[in-house]
Amino acid sequence: MSSKRYHHFKGNNLTPSENVERKVVELLLISKIPDNKRDSSIVFELKHSSECAFMSRILAQKRGLNLEIAEVAAVLHDIYVILKGSYKNHAKLGGPIAKKLLQEVGGFSKNEMNIVCEAILHHSEKDIFSDKPYNELVKDVDVFVCSLLKNSESSYRFIKSETLFKNYKKRVEKVRTELNLPKKPAFRK
């Protein structure tokens, strides 16, 4: 038996998705953009990317999707925000960044990279329901994870139109039903 033990996110035997998660954490830890110049704090982005990766694994299993692709799409969905600190057009600007990162990390087919990048490009379109399972997964994961944060409902009501807020709530309730959680409250108080 080898005296070396496996440790998550350490060593040379990481899966491609673990390499991506590690890279995202490293990018946040070395960021030169201070919190006062970012739309969200570095701590939030660290937590949010990790929580989305975790939740994507659960929903991917429930939906019969590839866990690696789901995890990578979820952890990278805010890659533009992670690197630039801004949410302005972050979905559209994040897709090309994600593609480059996936190429650098390696271990993903062209088709897998396309699925991941498409999910990132469309994740802000919470009011559009498509037949693209990974696009929908990332949208649902993003909204659901945020719904668990204190005061998320009042924040969404303030920054989103009434119609868009209703679609956010619809997504949260759908995920809660899928996970056999009580439908209400949809958002943490």
N, C-alpha and C. Protein backbone atom coordinates (compact mmCIF):
# COMPACT_ATOMS: atom_id res chain seq x y z
N MET A 1 0.84 -1.19 0.00
CA MET A 1 0.00 0.00 0.00
C MET A 1 0.88 1.25 0.00
N SER A 2 0.54 2.18 -0.84
CA SER A 2 1.31 3.41 -0.97
C SER A 2 1.15 4.27 0.28
N SER A 3 2.23 4.93 0.66
CA SER A 3 2.17 5.82 1.82
C SER A 3 1.53 7.16 1.46
N LYS A 4 1.38 7.40 0.15
CA LYS A 4 0.74 8.65 -0.28
C LYS A 4 -0.77 8.47 -0.25
N ARG A 5 -1.43 9.45 0.32
CA ARG A 5 -2.88 9.43 0.39
C ARG A 5 -3.45 10.41 -0.63
N TYR A 6 -4.64 10.07 -1.11
CA TYR A 6 -5.33 10.97 -2.03
C TYR A 6 -5.95 12.10 -1.24
N HIS A 7 -5.75 13.30 -1.69
CA HIS A 7 -6.39 14.48 -1.11
C HIS A 7 -7.10 15.21 -2.23
N HIS A 8 -8.32 15.60 -1.98
CA HIS A 8 -9.08 16.31 -2.99
C HIS A 8 -8.36 17.58 -3.43
N PHE A 9 -8.33 17.78 -4.73
CA PHE A 9 -7.78 18.99 -5.35
C PHE A 9 -6.28 19.17 -5.10
N LYS A 10 -5.59 18.07 -4.88
CA LYS A 10 -4.15 18.12 -4.66
C LYS A 10 -3.51 16.99 -5.44
N GLY A 11 -2.41 17.29 -6.07
CA GLY A 11 -1.70 16.25 -6.79
C GLY A 11 -1.92 16.29 -8.29
N ASN A 12 -1.40 15.27 -8.96
CA ASN A 12 -1.45 15.22 -10.41
C ASN A 12 -2.52 14.29 -10.96
N ASN A 13 -3.30 13.68 -10.11
CA ASN A 13 -4.31 12.73 -10.57
C ASN A 13 -5.72 13.29 -10.48
N LEU A 14 -5.86 14.59 -10.68
CA LEU A 14 -7.18 15.20 -10.61
C LEU A 14 -7.95 14.95 -11.90
N THR A 15 -9.26 14.87 -11.76
CA THR A 15 -10.11 14.77 -12.94
C THR A 15 -10.14 16.13 -13.64
N PRO A 16 -10.54 16.18 -14.89
CA PRO A 16 -10.66 17.48 -15.55
C PRO A 16 -11.55 18.45 -14.79
N SER A 17 -12.67 17.97 -14.25
CA SER A 17 -13.56 18.88 -13.51
C SER A 17 -12.91 19.37 -12.22
N GLU A 18 -12.16 18.51 -11.55
CA GLU A 18 -11.43 18.96 -10.34
C GLU A 18 -10.38 20.00 -10.70
N ASN A 19 -9.72 19.82 -11.84
CA ASN A 19 -8.74 20.82 -12.29
C ASN A 19 -9.40 22.16 -12.56
N VAL A 20 -10.60 22.14 -13.13
CA VAL A 20 -11.32 23.39 -13.38
C VAL A 20 -11.71 24.05 -12.07
N GLU A 21 -12.26 23.28 -11.14
CA GLU A 21 -12.64 23.85 -9.84
C GLU A 21 -11.42 24.44 -9.13
N ARG A 22 -10.34 23.72 -9.15
CA ARG A 22 -9.11 24.22 -8.53
C ARG A 22 -8.66 25.53 -9.18
N LYS A 23 -8.73 25.58 -10.50
CA LYS A 23 -8.32 26.78 -11.24
C LYS A 23 -9.19 27.97 -10.86
N VAL A 24 -10.49 27.77 -10.74
CA VAL A 24 -11.40 28.86 -10.37
C VAL A 24 -11.05 29.39 -8.98
N VAL A 25 -10.82 28.50 -8.04
CA VAL A 25 -10.44 28.93 -6.69
C VAL A 25 -9.12 29.70 -6.73
N GLU A 26 -8.15 29.18 -7.46
CA GLU A 26 -6.86 29.86 -7.57
C GLU A 26 -7.01 31.25 -8.19
N LEU A 27 -7.84 31.38 -9.22
CA LEU A 27 -8.05 32.69 -9.85
C LEU A 27 -8.64 33.69 -8.86
N LEU A 28 -9.55 33.24 -8.03
CA LEU A 28 -10.11 34.14 -7.03
C LEU A 28 -9.09 34.50 -5.95
N LEU A 29 -8.31 33.53 -5.54
CA LEU A 29 -7.32 33.79 -4.48
C LEU A 29 -6.22 34.75 -4.92
N ILE A 30 -5.90 34.75 -6.21
CA ILE A 30 -4.83 35.64 -6.70
C ILE A 30 -5.37 36.92 -7.33
N SER A 31 -6.69 37.10 -7.30
CA SER A 31 -7.29 38.28 -7.93
C SER A 31 -6.72 39.57 -7.35
N LYS A 32 -6.43 40.49 -8.21
CA LYS A 32 -5.93 41.81 -7.80
C LYS A 32 -7.06 42.83 -7.69
N ILE A 33 -8.29 42.41 -7.99
CA ILE A 33 -9.44 43.31 -7.91
C ILE A 33 -10.01 43.24 -6.50
N PRO A 34 -9.89 44.33 -5.73
CA PRO A 34 -10.40 44.30 -4.35
C PRO A 34 -11.93 44.29 -4.32
N ASP A 35 -12.47 43.86 -3.20
CA ASP A 35 -13.93 43.78 -3.04
C ASP A 35 -14.63 45.10 -3.36
N ASN A 36 -14.02 46.22 -2.98
CA ASN A 36 -14.68 47.51 -3.22
C ASN A 36 -14.73 47.89 -4.70
N LYS A 37 -14.06 47.13 -5.54
CA LYS A 37 -14.10 47.36 -6.99
C LYS A 37 -14.87 46.24 -7.71
N ARG A 38 -15.40 45.30 -6.95
CA ARG A 38 -16.13 44.15 -7.50
C ARG A 38 -17.63 44.31 -7.23
N ASP A 39 -18.45 43.74 -8.12
CA ASP A 39 -19.89 43.75 -7.88
C ASP A 39 -20.27 42.82 -6.72
N SER A 40 -19.55 41.74 -6.55
CA SER A 40 -19.72 40.83 -5.41
C SER A 40 -18.36 40.61 -4.77
N SER A 41 -18.37 40.21 -3.53
CA SER A 41 -17.10 39.98 -2.84
C SER A 41 -16.42 38.71 -3.36
N ILE A 42 -15.15 38.64 -3.15
CA ILE A 42 -14.40 37.43 -3.50
C ILE A 42 -14.91 36.25 -2.70
N VAL A 43 -15.24 36.47 -1.44
CA VAL A 43 -15.78 35.39 -0.60
C VAL A 43 -17.08 34.87 -1.21
N PHE A 44 -17.97 35.78 -1.64
CA PHE A 44 -19.21 35.32 -2.27
C PHE A 44 -18.91 34.50 -3.51
N GLU A 45 -18.02 34.96 -4.37
CA GLU A 45 -17.72 34.24 -5.61
C GLU A 45 -17.11 32.87 -5.32
N LEU A 46 -16.24 32.79 -4.30
CA LEU A 46 -15.70 31.48 -3.90
C LEU A 46 -16.82 30.54 -3.46
N LYS A 47 -17.66 31.04 -2.56
CA LYS A 47 -18.76 30.23 -2.05
C LYS A 47 -19.74 29.87 -3.17
N HIS A 48 -20.09 30.86 -3.98
CA HIS A 48 -21.09 30.64 -5.02
C HIS A 48 -20.62 29.62 -6.06
N SER A 49 -19.39 29.73 -6.49
CA SER A 49 -18.90 28.76 -7.48
C SER A 49 -18.85 27.35 -6.89
N SER A 50 -18.43 27.24 -5.64
CA SER A 50 -18.38 25.93 -4.98
C SER A 50 -19.78 25.37 -4.73
N GLU A 51 -20.67 26.22 -4.25
CA GLU A 51 -22.04 25.77 -3.99
C GLU A 51 -22.74 25.35 -5.28
N CYS A 52 -22.51 26.10 -6.36
CA CYS A 52 -23.11 25.74 -7.64
C CYS A 52 -22.54 24.42 -8.17
N ALA A 53 -21.25 24.20 -7.99
CA ALA A 53 -20.65 22.93 -8.41
C ALA A 53 -21.30 21.78 -7.64
N PHE A 54 -21.42 21.95 -6.34
CA PHE A 54 -22.02 20.92 -5.50
C PHE A 54 -23.47 20.64 -5.90
N MET A 55 -24.26 21.69 -6.03
CA MET A 55 -25.67 21.53 -6.37
C MET A 55 -25.84 20.96 -7.78
N SER A 56 -24.93 21.30 -8.68
CA SER A 56 -25.04 20.76 -10.05
C SER A 56 -24.86 19.25 -10.05
N ARG A 57 -24.02 18.72 -9.17
CA ARG A 57 -23.84 17.27 -9.09
C ARG A 57 -25.13 16.58 -8.64
N ILE A 58 -25.83 17.21 -7.72
CA ILE A 58 -27.08 16.64 -7.24
C ILE A 58 -28.14 16.67 -8.33
N LEU A 59 -28.34 17.84 -8.94
CA LEU A 59 -29.37 17.95 -9.97
C LEU A 59 -29.02 17.13 -11.22
N ALA A 60 -27.75 17.06 -11.56
CA ALA A 60 -27.35 16.25 -12.72
C ALA A 60 -27.71 14.79 -12.50
N GLN A 61 -27.52 14.30 -11.29
CA GLN A 61 -27.91 12.92 -10.99
C GLN A 61 -29.42 12.75 -11.10
N LYS A 62 -30.18 13.69 -10.55
CA LYS A 62 -31.64 13.62 -10.63
C LYS A 62 -32.11 13.65 -12.08
N ARG A 63 -31.40 14.39 -12.93
CA ARG A 63 -31.83 14.58 -14.31
C ARG A 63 -31.15 13.63 -15.30
N GLY A 64 -30.27 12.77 -14.80
CA GLY A 64 -29.59 11.82 -15.68
C GLY A 64 -28.57 12.46 -16.60
N LEU A 65 -27.93 13.52 -16.14
CA LEU A 65 -26.93 14.23 -16.95
C LEU A 65 -25.52 13.84 -16.53
N ASN A 66 -24.56 14.14 -17.37
CA ASN A 66 -23.16 13.88 -17.10
C ASN A 66 -22.70 14.81 -15.97
N LEU A 67 -22.23 14.23 -14.87
CA LEU A 67 -21.84 15.02 -13.70
C LEU A 67 -20.67 15.94 -13.97
N GLU A 68 -19.69 15.47 -14.74
CA GLU A 68 -18.50 16.29 -15.03
C GLU A 68 -18.88 17.54 -15.82
N ILE A 69 -19.69 17.36 -16.85
CA ILE A 69 -20.09 18.50 -17.68
C ILE A 69 -20.94 19.47 -16.85
N ALA A 70 -21.88 18.93 -16.09
CA ALA A 70 -22.74 19.77 -15.25
C ALA A 70 -21.91 20.57 -14.25
N GLU A 71 -20.98 19.90 -13.60
CA GLU A 71 -20.14 20.55 -12.59
C GLU A 71 -19.30 21.67 -13.20
N VAL A 72 -18.68 21.38 -14.32
CA VAL A 72 -17.81 22.38 -14.96
C VAL A 72 -18.62 23.58 -15.44
N ALA A 73 -19.78 23.34 -16.04
CA ALA A 73 -20.62 24.45 -16.48
C ALA A 73 -21.05 25.31 -15.30
N ALA A 74 -21.40 24.67 -14.20
CA ALA A 74 -21.85 25.41 -13.01
C ALA A 74 -20.72 26.19 -12.37
N VAL A 75 -19.56 25.59 -12.25
CA VAL A 75 -18.45 26.28 -11.58
C VAL A 75 -17.92 27.44 -12.43
N LEU A 76 -18.09 27.34 -13.75
CA LEU A 76 -17.57 28.39 -14.64
C LEU A 76 -18.63 29.42 -15.05
N HIS A 77 -19.87 29.25 -14.62
CA HIS A 77 -20.92 30.13 -15.16
C HIS A 77 -20.64 31.61 -14.90
N ASP A 78 -19.95 31.97 -13.84
CA ASP A 78 -19.62 33.37 -13.54
C ASP A 78 -18.13 33.65 -13.73
N ILE A 79 -17.49 32.97 -14.64
CA ILE A 79 -16.04 33.14 -14.83
C ILE A 79 -15.67 34.58 -15.17
N TYR A 80 -16.51 35.28 -15.90
CA TYR A 80 -16.22 36.68 -16.21
C TYR A 80 -16.22 37.51 -14.93
N VAL A 81 -17.19 37.28 -14.07
CA VAL A 81 -17.27 38.01 -12.79
C VAL A 81 -16.04 37.68 -11.94
N ILE A 82 -15.65 36.42 -11.94
CA ILE A 82 -14.48 35.99 -11.17
C ILE A 82 -13.23 36.74 -11.63
N LEU A 83 -13.07 36.88 -12.93
CA LEU A 83 -11.86 37.52 -13.47
C LEU A 83 -11.94 39.04 -13.51
N LYS A 84 -13.12 39.58 -13.80
CA LYS A 84 -13.26 41.03 -14.03
C LYS A 84 -14.01 41.77 -12.94
N GLY A 85 -14.74 41.04 -12.09
CA GLY A 85 -15.44 41.67 -10.98
C GLY A 85 -16.77 42.29 -11.33
N SER A 86 -17.23 42.17 -12.57
CA SER A 86 -18.45 42.82 -13.02
C SER A 86 -19.46 41.83 -13.58
N TYR A 87 -20.75 42.11 -13.31
CA TYR A 87 -21.82 41.28 -13.86
C TYR A 87 -22.32 41.80 -15.22
N LYS A 88 -21.86 42.95 -15.63
CA LYS A 88 -22.34 43.52 -16.89
C LYS A 88 -21.98 42.60 -18.06
N ASN A 89 -23.00 42.06 -18.72
CA ASN A 89 -22.83 41.15 -19.87
C ASN A 89 -21.96 39.94 -19.54
N HIS A 90 -21.95 39.55 -18.28
CA HIS A 90 -21.01 38.52 -17.85
C HIS A 90 -21.25 37.16 -18.49
N ALA A 91 -22.48 36.82 -18.81
CA ALA A 91 -22.75 35.51 -19.42
C ALA A 91 -22.14 35.46 -20.83
N LYS A 92 -22.44 36.46 -21.62
CA LYS A 92 -21.94 36.49 -23.01
C LYS A 92 -20.42 36.63 -23.04
N LEU A 93 -19.87 37.41 -22.13
CA LEU A 93 -18.42 37.60 -22.10
C LEU A 93 -17.70 36.41 -21.46
N GLY A 94 -18.42 35.64 -20.66
CA GLY A 94 -17.81 34.50 -19.97
C GLY A 94 -17.60 33.28 -20.84
N GLY A 95 -18.45 33.09 -21.84
CA GLY A 95 -18.35 31.91 -22.70
C GLY A 95 -16.97 31.73 -23.33
N PRO A 96 -16.46 32.77 -24.01
CA PRO A 96 -15.13 32.63 -24.62
C PRO A 96 -14.00 32.42 -23.60
N ILE A 97 -14.13 33.04 -22.44
CA ILE A 97 -13.13 32.85 -21.39
C ILE A 97 -13.15 31.39 -20.92
N ALA A 98 -14.35 30.86 -20.74
CA ALA A 98 -14.49 29.46 -20.31
C ALA A 98 -13.88 28.52 -21.34
N LYS A 99 -14.12 28.77 -22.60
CA LYS A 99 -13.58 27.91 -23.66
C LYS A 99 -12.05 27.88 -23.60
N LYS A 100 -11.46 29.05 -23.44
CA LYS A 100 -10.00 29.12 -23.36
C LYS A 100 -9.49 28.37 -22.13
N LEU A 101 -10.15 28.54 -21.01
CA LEU A 101 -9.74 27.86 -19.78
C LEU A 101 -9.86 26.34 -19.94
N LEU A 102 -10.96 25.88 -20.54
CA LEU A 102 -11.15 24.44 -20.75
C LEU A 102 -10.08 23.86 -21.67
N GLN A 103 -9.69 24.63 -22.68
CA GLN A 103 -8.63 24.18 -23.58
C GLN A 103 -7.30 24.08 -22.83
N GLU A 104 -7.04 25.05 -21.96
CA GLU A 104 -5.80 25.05 -21.18
C GLU A 104 -5.76 23.88 -20.20
N VAL A 105 -6.86 23.64 -19.53
CA VAL A 105 -6.93 22.55 -18.55
C VAL A 105 -6.84 21.20 -19.24
N GLY A 106 -7.54 21.07 -20.37
CA GLY A 106 -7.54 19.82 -21.13
C GLY A 106 -8.47 18.78 -20.54
N GLY A 107 -8.65 17.70 -21.31
CA GLY A 107 -9.47 16.60 -20.85
C GLY A 107 -10.92 16.68 -21.28
N PHE A 108 -11.27 17.67 -22.09
CA PHE A 108 -12.64 17.84 -22.55
C PHE A 108 -12.70 17.75 -24.07
N SER A 109 -13.71 17.06 -24.58
CA SER A 109 -13.89 16.98 -26.03
C SER A 109 -14.44 18.32 -26.53
N LYS A 110 -14.39 18.50 -27.82
CA LYS A 110 -14.93 19.72 -28.42
C LYS A 110 -16.42 19.84 -28.11
N ASN A 111 -17.14 18.73 -28.20
CA ASN A 111 -18.57 18.73 -27.91
C ASN A 111 -18.84 19.10 -26.45
N GLU A 112 -18.06 18.56 -25.52
CA GLU A 112 -18.23 18.89 -24.09
C GLU A 112 -17.97 20.37 -23.85
N MET A 113 -16.92 20.90 -24.48
CA MET A 113 -16.63 22.33 -24.33
C MET A 113 -17.76 23.18 -24.88
N ASN A 114 -18.32 22.77 -26.02
CA ASN A 114 -19.44 23.51 -26.60
C ASN A 114 -20.66 23.51 -25.69
N ILE A 115 -20.95 22.37 -25.08
CA ILE A 115 -22.10 22.27 -24.15
C ILE A 115 -21.88 23.20 -22.96
N VAL A 116 -20.69 23.15 -22.38
CA VAL A 116 -20.37 23.99 -21.22
C VAL A 116 -20.46 25.47 -21.58
N CYS A 117 -19.84 25.85 -22.68
CA CYS A 117 -19.83 27.27 -23.07
C CYS A 117 -21.22 27.77 -23.43
N GLU A 118 -22.02 26.94 -24.07
CA GLU A 118 -23.39 27.35 -24.38
C GLU A 118 -24.19 27.57 -23.10
N ALA A 119 -24.02 26.70 -22.12
CA ALA A 119 -24.72 26.87 -20.84
C ALA A 119 -24.31 28.17 -20.16
N ILE A 120 -23.04 28.50 -20.24
CA ILE A 120 -22.53 29.75 -19.64
C ILE A 120 -23.11 30.95 -20.39
N LEU A 121 -23.06 30.90 -21.71
CA LEU A 121 -23.57 32.01 -22.53
C LEU A 121 -25.03 32.33 -22.26
N HIS A 122 -25.82 31.33 -21.90
CA HIS A 122 -27.26 31.51 -21.74
C HIS A 122 -27.75 31.49 -20.29
N HIS A 123 -26.83 31.40 -19.33
CA HIS A 123 -27.30 31.21 -17.95
C HIS A 123 -28.03 32.42 -17.36
N SER A 124 -27.84 33.59 -17.93
CA SER A 124 -28.54 34.77 -17.41
C SER A 124 -29.96 34.90 -17.96
N GLU A 125 -30.31 34.08 -18.92
CA GLU A 125 -31.64 34.13 -19.54
C GLU A 125 -32.63 33.29 -18.73
N LYS A 126 -32.84 33.68 -17.50
CA LYS A 126 -33.69 32.90 -16.59
C LYS A 126 -35.15 32.90 -17.02
N ASP A 127 -35.53 33.84 -17.86
CA ASP A 127 -36.90 33.92 -18.33
C ASP A 127 -37.15 33.07 -19.58
N ILE A 128 -36.11 32.46 -20.10
CA ILE A 128 -36.23 31.60 -21.28
C ILE A 128 -36.06 30.15 -20.84
N PHE A 129 -37.06 29.34 -21.12
CA PHE A 129 -37.01 27.92 -20.79
C PHE A 129 -36.77 27.17 -22.09
N SER A 130 -35.68 26.42 -22.15
CA SER A 130 -35.29 25.75 -23.39
C SER A 130 -35.30 24.23 -23.23
N ASP A 131 -35.02 23.54 -24.31
CA ASP A 131 -34.90 22.08 -24.26
C ASP A 131 -33.43 21.65 -24.16
N LYS A 132 -32.57 22.58 -23.75
CA LYS A 132 -31.15 22.30 -23.58
C LYS A 132 -30.90 21.96 -22.11
N PRO A 133 -30.68 20.70 -21.79
CA PRO A 133 -30.64 20.30 -20.38
C PRO A 133 -29.53 20.95 -19.55
N TYR A 134 -28.36 21.18 -20.14
CA TYR A 134 -27.28 21.80 -19.36
C TYR A 134 -27.51 23.30 -19.19
N ASN A 135 -28.09 23.94 -20.21
CA ASN A 135 -28.45 25.36 -20.07
C ASN A 135 -29.43 25.52 -18.91
N GLU A 136 -30.44 24.67 -18.89
CA GLU A 136 -31.46 24.75 -17.84
C GLU A 136 -30.89 24.39 -16.48
N LEU A 137 -30.02 23.42 -16.45
CA LEU A 137 -29.40 23.03 -15.18
C LEU A 137 -28.63 24.20 -14.57
N VAL A 138 -27.82 24.88 -15.36
CA VAL A 138 -27.02 25.99 -14.82
C VAL A 138 -27.92 27.13 -14.37
N LYS A 139 -28.95 27.44 -15.13
CA LYS A 139 -29.90 28.49 -14.71
C LYS A 139 -30.55 28.10 -13.38
N ASP A 140 -31.02 26.87 -13.31
CA ASP A 140 -31.70 26.41 -12.10
C ASP A 140 -30.77 26.38 -10.89
N VAL A 141 -29.58 25.89 -11.09
CA VAL A 141 -28.59 25.82 -10.00
C VAL A 141 -28.27 27.23 -9.50
N ASP A 142 -28.02 28.15 -10.41
CA ASP A 142 -27.66 29.52 -10.06
C ASP A 142 -28.76 30.16 -9.20
N VAL A 143 -29.99 30.06 -9.65
CA VAL A 143 -31.11 30.66 -8.92
C VAL A 143 -31.37 29.94 -7.60
N PHE A 144 -31.34 28.62 -7.63
CA PHE A 144 -31.63 27.86 -6.41
C PHE A 144 -30.60 28.15 -5.32
N VAL A 145 -29.33 28.11 -5.66
CA VAL A 145 -28.27 28.37 -4.67
C VAL A 145 -28.44 29.77 -4.08
N CYS A 146 -28.73 30.75 -4.93
CA CYS A 146 -28.93 32.11 -4.43
C CYS A 146 -30.19 32.22 -3.57
N SER A 147 -31.20 31.40 -3.87
CA SER A 147 -32.44 31.46 -3.09
C SER A 147 -32.22 31.07 -1.64
N LEU A 148 -31.14 30.37 -1.37
CA LEU A 148 -30.84 29.93 -0.01
C LEU A 148 -30.10 31.00 0.81
N LEU A 149 -29.77 32.11 0.16
CA LEU A 149 -29.10 33.20 0.85
C LEU A 149 -30.12 34.10 1.54
N LYS A 150 -29.74 34.62 2.68
CA LYS A 150 -30.61 35.52 3.43
C LYS A 150 -30.94 36.75 2.58
N ASN A 151 -32.20 37.12 2.58
CA ASN A 151 -32.71 38.31 1.88
C ASN A 151 -32.62 38.24 0.35
N SER A 152 -32.47 37.05 -0.20
CA SER A 152 -32.37 36.96 -1.66
C SER A 152 -33.67 37.40 -2.34
N GLU A 153 -34.81 37.07 -1.73
CA GLU A 153 -36.08 37.45 -2.34
C GLU A 153 -36.20 38.97 -2.48
N SER A 154 -35.93 39.69 -1.42
CA SER A 154 -36.06 41.15 -1.49
C SER A 154 -35.04 41.74 -2.46
N SER A 155 -33.87 41.14 -2.53
CA SER A 155 -32.86 41.60 -3.47
C SER A 155 -33.32 41.38 -4.90
N TYR A 156 -33.81 40.18 -5.21
CA TYR A 156 -34.31 39.90 -6.56
C TYR A 156 -35.49 40.80 -6.91
N ARG A 157 -36.39 41.03 -5.96
CA ARG A 157 -37.54 41.89 -6.24
C ARG A 157 -37.09 43.30 -6.56
N PHE A 158 -36.00 43.73 -5.96
CA PHE A 158 -35.50 45.09 -6.16
C PHE A 158 -34.79 45.25 -7.50
N ILE A 159 -33.97 44.26 -7.88
CA ILE A 159 -33.14 44.42 -9.08
C ILE A 159 -33.71 43.78 -10.34
N LYS A 160 -34.73 42.95 -10.20
CA LYS A 160 -35.33 42.26 -11.35
C LYS A 160 -36.73 42.81 -11.62
N SER A 161 -37.14 42.75 -12.89
CA SER A 161 -38.52 43.12 -13.20
C SER A 161 -39.47 42.12 -12.54
N GLU A 162 -40.73 42.48 -12.41
CA GLU A 162 -41.71 41.59 -11.79
C GLU A 162 -41.82 40.28 -12.57
N THR A 163 -41.81 40.37 -13.89
CA THR A 163 -41.89 39.17 -14.73
C THR A 163 -40.68 38.29 -14.54
N LEU A 164 -39.50 38.88 -14.53
CA LEU A 164 -38.28 38.10 -14.35
C LEU A 164 -38.24 37.49 -12.95
N PHE A 165 -38.66 38.25 -11.94
CA PHE A 165 -38.70 37.70 -10.59
C PHE A 165 -39.62 36.47 -10.54
N LYS A 166 -40.76 36.54 -11.21
CA LYS A 166 -41.68 35.39 -11.22
C LYS A 166 -41.02 34.16 -11.84
N ASN A 167 -40.20 34.37 -12.87
CA ASN A 167 -39.49 33.25 -13.49
C ASN A 167 -38.41 32.70 -12.56
N TYR A 168 -37.74 33.58 -11.81
CA TYR A 168 -36.77 33.12 -10.81
C TYR A 168 -37.49 32.24 -9.79
N LYS A 169 -38.61 32.73 -9.30
CA LYS A 169 -39.38 31.99 -8.29
C LYS A 169 -39.86 30.66 -8.86
N LYS A 170 -40.30 30.66 -10.09
CA LYS A 170 -40.75 29.43 -10.75
C LYS A 170 -39.62 28.40 -10.80
N ARG A 171 -38.42 28.86 -11.14
CA ARG A 171 -37.26 27.96 -11.19
C ARG A 171 -36.94 27.41 -9.80
N VAL A 172 -36.96 28.26 -8.80
CA VAL A 172 -36.66 27.82 -7.44
C VAL A 172 -37.68 26.78 -6.99
N GLU A 173 -38.95 27.05 -7.22
CA GLU A 173 -39.99 26.12 -6.81
C GLU A 173 -39.88 24.79 -7.57
N LYS A 174 -39.49 24.85 -8.84
CA LYS A 174 -39.30 23.62 -9.63
C LYS A 174 -38.19 22.76 -9.02
N VAL A 175 -37.08 23.40 -8.67
CA VAL A 175 -35.96 22.65 -8.08
C VAL A 175 -36.35 22.11 -6.71
N ARG A 176 -37.04 22.90 -5.92
CA ARG A 176 -37.47 22.44 -4.59
C ARG A 176 -38.37 21.21 -4.73
N THR A 177 -39.25 21.22 -5.69
CA THR A 177 -40.13 20.06 -5.95
C THR A 177 -39.29 18.87 -6.39
N GLU A 178 -38.36 19.11 -7.29
CA GLU A 178 -37.49 18.05 -7.80
C GLU A 178 -36.70 17.38 -6.67
N LEU A 179 -36.32 18.17 -5.67
CA LEU A 179 -35.54 17.66 -4.55
C LEU A 179 -36.42 17.22 -3.38
N ASN A 180 -37.72 17.22 -3.59
CA ASN A 180 -38.68 16.85 -2.55
C ASN A 180 -38.58 17.74 -1.31
N LEU A 181 -38.33 19.01 -1.53
CA LEU A 181 -38.31 20.00 -0.45
C LEU A 181 -39.66 20.71 -0.42
N PRO A 182 -40.04 21.28 0.70
CA PRO A 182 -41.29 22.06 0.70
C PRO A 182 -41.21 23.16 -0.36
N LYS A 183 -42.31 23.38 -1.06
CA LYS A 183 -42.33 24.39 -2.12
C LYS A 183 -42.15 25.80 -1.54
N LYS A 184 -42.66 25.98 -0.33
CA LYS A 184 -42.56 27.30 0.29
C LYS A 184 -41.87 27.16 1.64
N PRO A 185 -41.08 28.13 2.05
CA PRO A 185 -40.81 29.35 1.32
C PRO A 185 -39.81 29.10 0.18
N ALA A 186 -40.05 29.73 -0.93
CA ALA A 186 -39.15 29.59 -2.07
C ALA A 186 -37.79 30.22 -1.79
N PHE A 187 -37.81 31.30 -1.03
CA PHE A 187 -36.58 32.04 -0.72
C PHE A 187 -36.37 32.09 0.77
N ARG A 188 -35.11 32.06 1.17
CA ARG A 188 -34.78 32.19 2.59
C ARG A 188 -35.08 33.61 3.04
N LYS A 189 -35.61 33.72 4.21
CA LYS A 189 -35.91 35.05 4.78
C LYS A 189 -34.73 35.57 5.54
